[in-house]
């Protein structure tokens, strides 16, 4: 991991699900390491653009754009028009087939539920989030008693609300302080309840309490 130290840039933690499990070799240069990270991030997000990657990595947009140009020349990424003609997005070549899979998934009404932390990379760029999920999300991080740490509720490809909860370690109680479902169709959604139960079980909670 020598290259990670050589970069000296505010790169956020890159989990294995981003696709970076190990460096190609120990002698990778700074520029090649940067290009490698950017290419893997583009692949992970599927559809993105230079400013979005800049927000995620902390690398200046002016230094991200040449990497995009190189990847486009190699046809590793391709221009992708989406919703608006004002902005050009790019899709990773490995994700082209995923568009058809996504369309099939929507036709089948996929209802997989995920509870997403406000610090997740999905929220690094509000424009990207609004464009592809029609969802905006803000919260104030103030280290104080009673602060909120809401989890956004993603059902299939749609955000349907958020959940503010906490774990009481001494009593082993999982407290749902607030549950806000913006789409009434998901108010009593069984899979959302199951996702909450799984989260509580992960924290070894003995009881789930929802405040009204």
Protein backbone atom coordinates (compact mmCIF):
# COMPACT_ATOMS: atom_id res chain seq x y z
CA UNK A 1 0.00 0.00 0.00
CA UNK A 2 2.97 2.35 -0.49
CA UNK A 3 1.11 4.27 -3.18
CA UNK A 4 -1.64 5.23 -0.75
CA UNK A 5 0.90 7.08 1.37
CA UNK A 6 2.57 8.66 -1.65
CA UNK A 7 -0.74 10.18 -2.79
CA UNK A 8 -1.05 12.42 0.28
CA UNK A 9 -4.62 13.33 -0.72
CA UNK A 10 -7.82 13.25 1.36
CA UNK A 11 -9.10 9.99 -0.12
CA UNK A 12 -12.02 8.65 1.88
CA UNK A 13 -12.05 5.04 3.01
CA UNK A 14 -12.46 2.77 0.00
CA UNK A 15 -14.30 -0.39 0.96
CA UNK A 16 -13.85 -3.67 -0.86
CA UNK A 17 -17.24 -3.22 -2.52
CA UNK A 18 -15.74 -0.27 -4.42
CA UNK A 19 -13.62 -2.87 -6.18
CA UNK A 20 -10.19 -2.03 -4.77
CA UNK A 21 -8.99 -5.13 -2.96
CA UNK A 22 -5.29 -4.67 -3.62
CA UNK A 23 -2.94 -2.55 -5.68
CA UNK A 24 -1.75 -3.92 -9.05
CA UNK A 25 1.81 -3.88 -7.71
CA UNK A 26 3.82 -2.27 -4.94
CA UNK A 27 5.75 0.01 -7.28
CA UNK A 28 2.75 1.84 -8.74
CA UNK A 29 3.35 5.55 -9.41
CA UNK A 30 1.27 8.38 -7.98
CA UNK A 31 -0.42 9.13 -11.32
CA UNK A 32 -1.16 5.48 -12.04
CA UNK A 33 -2.50 4.95 -8.52
CA UNK A 34 -4.79 7.93 -8.94
CA UNK A 35 -6.02 6.69 -12.33
CA UNK A 36 -6.55 3.21 -10.89
CA UNK A 37 -8.67 4.57 -8.01
CA UNK A 38 -10.73 6.78 -10.31
CA UNK A 39 -11.41 3.96 -12.78
CA UNK A 40 -12.52 1.63 -9.97
CA UNK A 41 -14.80 4.31 -8.52
CA UNK A 42 -16.40 4.95 -11.92
CA UNK A 43 -17.02 1.21 -12.21
CA UNK A 44 -18.53 1.14 -8.72
CA UNK A 45 -20.93 4.04 -9.26
CA UNK A 46 -21.74 2.89 -12.80
CA UNK A 47 -22.70 6.35 -14.05
CA UNK A 48 -20.84 9.41 -12.84
CA UNK A 49 -18.96 12.56 -13.91
CA UNK A 50 -15.66 14.28 -12.97
CA UNK A 51 -17.05 16.63 -10.30
CA UNK A 52 -18.77 13.72 -8.55
CA UNK A 53 -15.52 11.73 -8.40
CA UNK A 54 -13.74 14.86 -7.16
CA UNK A 55 -16.23 15.17 -4.29
CA UNK A 56 -15.76 11.52 -3.36
CA UNK A 57 -11.96 11.44 -3.47
CA UNK A 58 -10.89 14.99 -2.68
CA UNK A 59 -8.83 15.08 -5.89
CA UNK A 60 -9.33 18.45 -7.70
CA UNK A 61 -11.72 18.26 -10.65
CA UNK A 62 -9.05 19.70 -12.97
CA UNK A 63 -6.88 16.67 -12.18
CA UNK A 64 -9.74 14.19 -12.50
CA UNK A 65 -10.82 15.31 -15.98
CA UNK A 66 -7.62 14.18 -17.80
CA UNK A 67 -8.12 10.69 -16.36
CA UNK A 68 -11.68 10.67 -17.72
CA UNK A 69 -10.34 11.72 -21.13
CA UNK A 70 -7.78 8.91 -21.12
CA UNK A 71 -10.39 6.35 -20.10
CA UNK A 72 -12.78 7.60 -22.79
CA UNK A 73 -10.06 7.28 -25.45
CA UNK A 74 -9.51 3.69 -24.36
CA UNK A 75 -13.32 3.18 -24.42
CA UNK A 76 -13.16 2.10 -20.79
CA UNK A 77 -15.89 4.67 -20.17
CA UNK A 78 -18.49 6.05 -22.57
CA UNK A 79 -20.52 9.30 -22.63
CA UNK A 80 -24.01 8.77 -21.25
CA UNK A 81 -26.86 11.24 -21.72
CA UNK A 82 -29.34 11.25 -18.87
CA UNK A 83 -32.34 13.54 -18.24
CA UNK A 84 -30.59 16.76 -19.15
CA UNK A 85 -28.48 17.86 -22.11
CA UNK A 86 -26.55 20.33 -19.95
CA UNK A 87 -24.37 17.73 -18.27
CA UNK A 88 -22.54 14.79 -19.81
CA UNK A 89 -22.27 11.73 -17.60
CA UNK A 90 -20.04 8.74 -18.19
CA UNK A 91 -20.84 5.07 -17.83
CA UNK A 92 -18.24 2.37 -17.28
CA UNK A 93 -18.11 -0.06 -20.20
CA UNK A 94 -18.54 -3.00 -17.82
CA UNK A 95 -21.91 -1.60 -16.72
CA UNK A 96 -23.61 -1.27 -20.11
CA UNK A 97 -25.44 -4.57 -19.67
CA UNK A 98 -26.58 -3.43 -16.22
CA UNK A 99 -28.93 -0.92 -17.86
CA UNK A 100 -31.04 -3.75 -19.27
CA UNK A 101 -30.86 -5.58 -15.94
CA UNK A 102 -32.00 -2.41 -14.16
CA UNK A 103 -34.96 -2.03 -16.52
CA UNK A 104 -35.94 -5.66 -15.93
CA UNK A 105 -35.59 -5.13 -12.18
CA UNK A 106 -37.92 -2.13 -12.30
CA UNK A 107 -40.46 -4.13 -14.28
CA UNK A 108 -40.31 -6.82 -11.59
CA UNK A 109 -40.79 -4.19 -8.86
CA UNK A 110 -37.65 -5.00 -6.89
CA UNK A 111 -38.21 -4.22 -3.21
CA UNK A 112 -34.82 -4.92 -1.67
CA UNK A 113 -34.43 -2.63 1.35
CA UNK A 114 -31.24 -0.91 2.49
CA UNK A 115 -30.76 1.47 5.41
CA UNK A 116 -28.04 3.91 4.36
CA UNK A 117 -25.84 6.01 6.64
CA UNK A 118 -25.64 9.79 5.99
CA UNK A 119 -21.86 9.32 5.63
CA UNK A 120 -22.25 6.81 2.80
CA UNK A 121 -20.54 7.73 -0.48
CA UNK A 122 -23.95 7.98 -2.15
CA UNK A 123 -24.44 11.29 -0.33
CA UNK A 124 -21.05 12.84 -1.16
CA UNK A 125 -22.50 14.65 -4.18
CA UNK A 126 -26.04 15.99 -3.81
CA UNK A 127 -26.37 16.74 -7.54
CA UNK A 128 -25.58 13.14 -8.47
CA UNK A 129 -28.00 11.88 -5.81
CA UNK A 130 -30.79 14.18 -6.97
CA UNK A 131 -30.22 13.32 -10.64
CA UNK A 132 -30.30 9.55 -10.34
CA UNK A 133 -32.54 9.04 -7.31
CA UNK A 134 -34.61 12.25 -7.25
CA UNK A 135 -33.65 12.50 -3.59
CA UNK A 136 -32.02 15.22 -1.53
CA UNK A 137 -30.72 14.78 1.97
CA UNK A 138 -29.17 17.12 4.52
CA UNK A 139 -28.34 16.84 8.17
CA UNK A 140 -26.32 18.82 10.68
CA UNK A 141 -23.44 17.05 12.33
CA UNK A 142 -23.23 18.55 15.81
CA UNK A 143 -21.68 16.43 18.50
CA UNK A 144 -24.22 16.90 21.24
CA UNK A 145 -26.76 14.96 23.24
CA UNK A 146 -29.89 14.20 21.25
CA UNK A 147 -28.29 14.78 17.85
CA UNK A 148 -29.89 13.00 14.91
CA UNK A 149 -28.10 10.41 12.80
CA UNK A 150 -30.85 9.46 10.33
CA UNK A 151 -30.59 6.44 8.05
CA UNK A 152 -32.13 6.87 4.61
CA UNK A 153 -34.46 4.06 3.55
CA UNK A 154 -33.81 2.78 0.02
CA UNK A 155 -36.41 0.38 -1.39
CA UNK A 156 -35.38 -0.98 -4.77
CA UNK A 157 -34.21 2.14 -6.62
CA UNK A 158 -36.29 4.63 -4.63
CA UNK A 159 -35.66 6.47 -1.39
CA UNK A 160 -38.92 6.37 0.57
CA UNK A 161 -37.96 8.10 3.83
CA UNK A 162 -35.57 8.06 6.74
CA UNK A 163 -35.12 6.51 10.15
CA UNK A 164 -33.58 8.13 13.24
CA UNK A 165 -32.56 5.52 15.77
CA UNK A 166 -30.10 4.77 18.54
CA UNK A 167 -28.85 1.77 20.48
CA UNK A 168 -29.00 1.79 24.28
CA UNK A 169 -26.10 -0.46 25.14
CA UNK A 170 -26.82 -0.83 28.85
CA UNK A 171 -30.45 -1.87 28.40
CA UNK A 172 -29.88 -3.59 25.03
CA UNK A 173 -32.80 -1.64 23.60
CA UNK A 174 -32.90 -0.46 19.99
CA UNK A 175 -34.81 2.84 20.00
CA UNK A 176 -36.54 4.21 16.90
CA UNK A 177 -36.76 7.90 17.76
CA UNK A 178 -38.36 8.92 14.48
CA UNK A 179 -39.53 7.15 11.33
CA UNK A 180 -40.53 9.36 8.43
CA UNK A 181 -41.99 7.59 5.39
CA UNK A 182 -42.68 10.07 2.59
CA UNK A 183 -44.54 7.55 0.43
CA UNK A 184 -47.62 6.23 2.24
CA UNK A 185 -47.50 3.04 0.16
CA UNK A 186 -44.47 2.00 2.24
CA UNK A 187 -45.86 2.99 5.65
CA UNK A 188 -46.22 -0.61 6.83
CA UNK A 189 -43.81 -2.23 4.42
CA UNK A 190 -42.82 -5.68 5.72
CA UNK A 191 -39.30 -5.57 4.29
CA UNK A 192 -38.57 -2.23 5.95
CA UNK A 193 -39.59 -3.76 9.27
CA UNK A 194 -37.37 -6.76 8.54
CA UNK A 195 -34.41 -4.48 7.71
CA UNK A 196 -34.87 -2.68 11.04
CA UNK A 197 -35.03 -6.02 12.86
CA UNK A 198 -31.83 -7.16 11.16
CA UNK A 199 -30.07 -3.91 12.13
CA UNK A 200 -31.20 -4.31 15.73
CA UNK A 201 -30.08 -7.95 15.76
CA UNK A 202 -26.67 -6.90 14.41
CA UNK A 203 -26.30 -4.70 17.51
CA UNK A 204 -27.49 -7.60 19.69
CA UNK A 205 -30.58 -5.70 20.81
CA UNK A 206 -33.06 -7.60 22.95
CA UNK A 207 -35.94 -5.23 22.29
CA UNK A 208 -37.05 -2.75 19.63
CA UNK A 209 -38.97 0.29 20.82
CA UNK A 210 -40.58 2.76 18.42
CA UNK A 211 -41.50 6.13 19.88
CA UNK A 212 -44.73 7.66 18.66
